Amino acid sequence: MENFNKTDCLALTIRKEHRLVVINKAVKRTVIISVKTILAAICLTLLNVFI
């Protein structure tokens, strides 16, 4: 029975780590897209001011 508990605990740990990796990737991707969008908006604004 103790072996089963260790396996279950390991599975939960791996599952938790996987969720953290997925969340971390999603946050990083969101930040990258937001920065690109802001830079594009600034560039378009500058172009509109000078043209």
C-alpha atoms as a PDB file:
ATOM      1  CA  MET A   1       0.000   0.000   0.000  1.00  0.00           C
ATOM      2  CA  GLU A   2       2.883   2.371   0.734  1.00  0.00           C
ATOM      3  CA  ASN A   3       4.271   1.860  -2.784  1.00  0.00           C
ATOM      4  CA  PHE A   4       0.911   2.911  -4.230  1.00  0.00           C
ATOM      5  CA  ASN A   5       0.969   6.117  -2.174  1.00  0.00           C
ATOM      6  CA  LYS A   6       4.466   6.983  -3.405  1.00  0.00           C
ATOM      7  CA  THR A   7       3.408   6.441  -7.006  1.00  0.00           C
ATOM      8  CA  ASP A   8       0.286   8.521  -6.505  1.00  0.00           C
ATOM      9  CA  CYS A   9       2.329  11.294  -4.910  1.00  0.00           C
ATOM     10  CA  LEU A  10       4.809  11.225  -7.794  1.00  0.00           C
ATOM     11  CA  ALA A  11       1.990  11.417 -10.326  1.00  0.00           C
ATOM     12  CA  LEU A  12       0.499  14.410  -8.534  1.00  0.00           C
ATOM     13  CA  THR A  13       3.899  16.120  -8.421  1.00  0.00           C
ATOM     14  CA  ILE A  14       4.435  15.580 -12.147  1.00  0.00           C
ATOM     15  CA  ARG A  15       0.921  16.820 -12.866  1.00  0.00           C
ATOM     16  CA  LYS A  16       1.549  19.948 -10.774  1.00  0.00           C
ATOM     17  CA  GLU A  17       4.868  20.599 -12.536  1.00  0.00           C
ATOM     18  CA  HIS A  18       3.205  20.176 -15.935  1.00  0.00           C
ATOM     19  CA  ARG A  19       0.499  22.666 -15.020  1.00  0.00           C
ATOM     20  CA  LEU A  20       3.113  25.178 -13.867  1.00  0.00           C
ATOM     21  CA  VAL A  21       5.017  24.789 -17.134  1.00  0.00           C
ATOM     22  CA  VAL A  22       1.848  25.302 -19.178  1.00  0.00           C
ATOM     23  CA  ILE A  23       0.868  28.379 -17.158  1.00  0.00           C
ATOM     24  CA  ASN A  24       4.398  29.773 -17.409  1.00  0.00           C
ATOM     25  CA  LYS A  25       4.427  29.352 -21.198  1.00  0.00           C
ATOM     26  CA  ALA A  26       1.000  30.978 -21.502  1.00  0.00           C
ATOM     27  CA  VAL A  27       2.061  33.982 -19.421  1.00  0.00           C
ATOM     28  CA  LYS A  28       5.301  34.424 -21.377  1.00  0.00           C
ATOM     29  CA  ARG A  29       3.475  34.198 -24.697  1.00  0.00           C
ATOM     30  CA  THR A  30       0.855  36.707 -23.551  1.00  0.00           C
ATOM     31  CA  VAL A  31       3.561  39.166 -22.486  1.00  0.00           C
ATOM     32  CA  ILE A  32       5.399  38.775 -25.805  1.00  0.00           C
ATOM     33  CA  ILE A  33       2.219  39.355 -27.821  1.00  0.00           C
ATOM     34  CA  SER A  34       1.323  42.377 -25.677  1.00  0.00           C
ATOM     35  CA  VAL A  35       4.766  43.938 -26.133  1.00  0.00           C
ATOM     36  CA  LYS A  36       4.653  43.371 -29.890  1.00  0.00           C
ATOM     37  CA  THR A  37       1.185  44.933 -30.057  1.00  0.00           C
ATOM     38  CA  ILE A  38       2.277  47.972 -28.060  1.00  0.00           C
ATOM     39  CA  LEU A  39       5.369  48.456 -30.231  1.00  0.00           C
ATOM     40  CA  ALA A  40       3.287  48.157 -33.398  1.00  0.00           C
ATOM     41  CA  ALA A  41       0.805  50.724 -32.080  1.00  0.00           C
ATOM     42  CA  ILE A  42       3.653  53.131 -31.241  1.00  0.00           C
ATOM     43  CA  CYS A  43       5.166  52.696 -34.703  1.00  0.00           C
ATOM     44  CA  LEU A  44       1.836  53.290 -36.424  1.00  0.00           C
ATOM     45  CA  THR A  45       1.197  56.359 -34.287  1.00  0.00           C
ATOM     46  CA  LEU A  46       4.602  57.798 -35.141  1.00  0.00           C
ATOM     47  CA  LEU A  47       4.042  57.109 -38.824  1.00  0.00           C
ATOM     48  CA  ASN A  48       0.668  58.838 -38.711  1.00  0.00           C
ATOM     49  CA  VAL A  49       2.181  61.873 -36.974  1.00  0.00           C
ATOM     50  CA  PHE A  50       4.925  62.326 -39.575  1.00  0.00           C
ATOM     51  CA  ILE A  51       2.906  61.462 -42.670  1.00  0.00           C
END
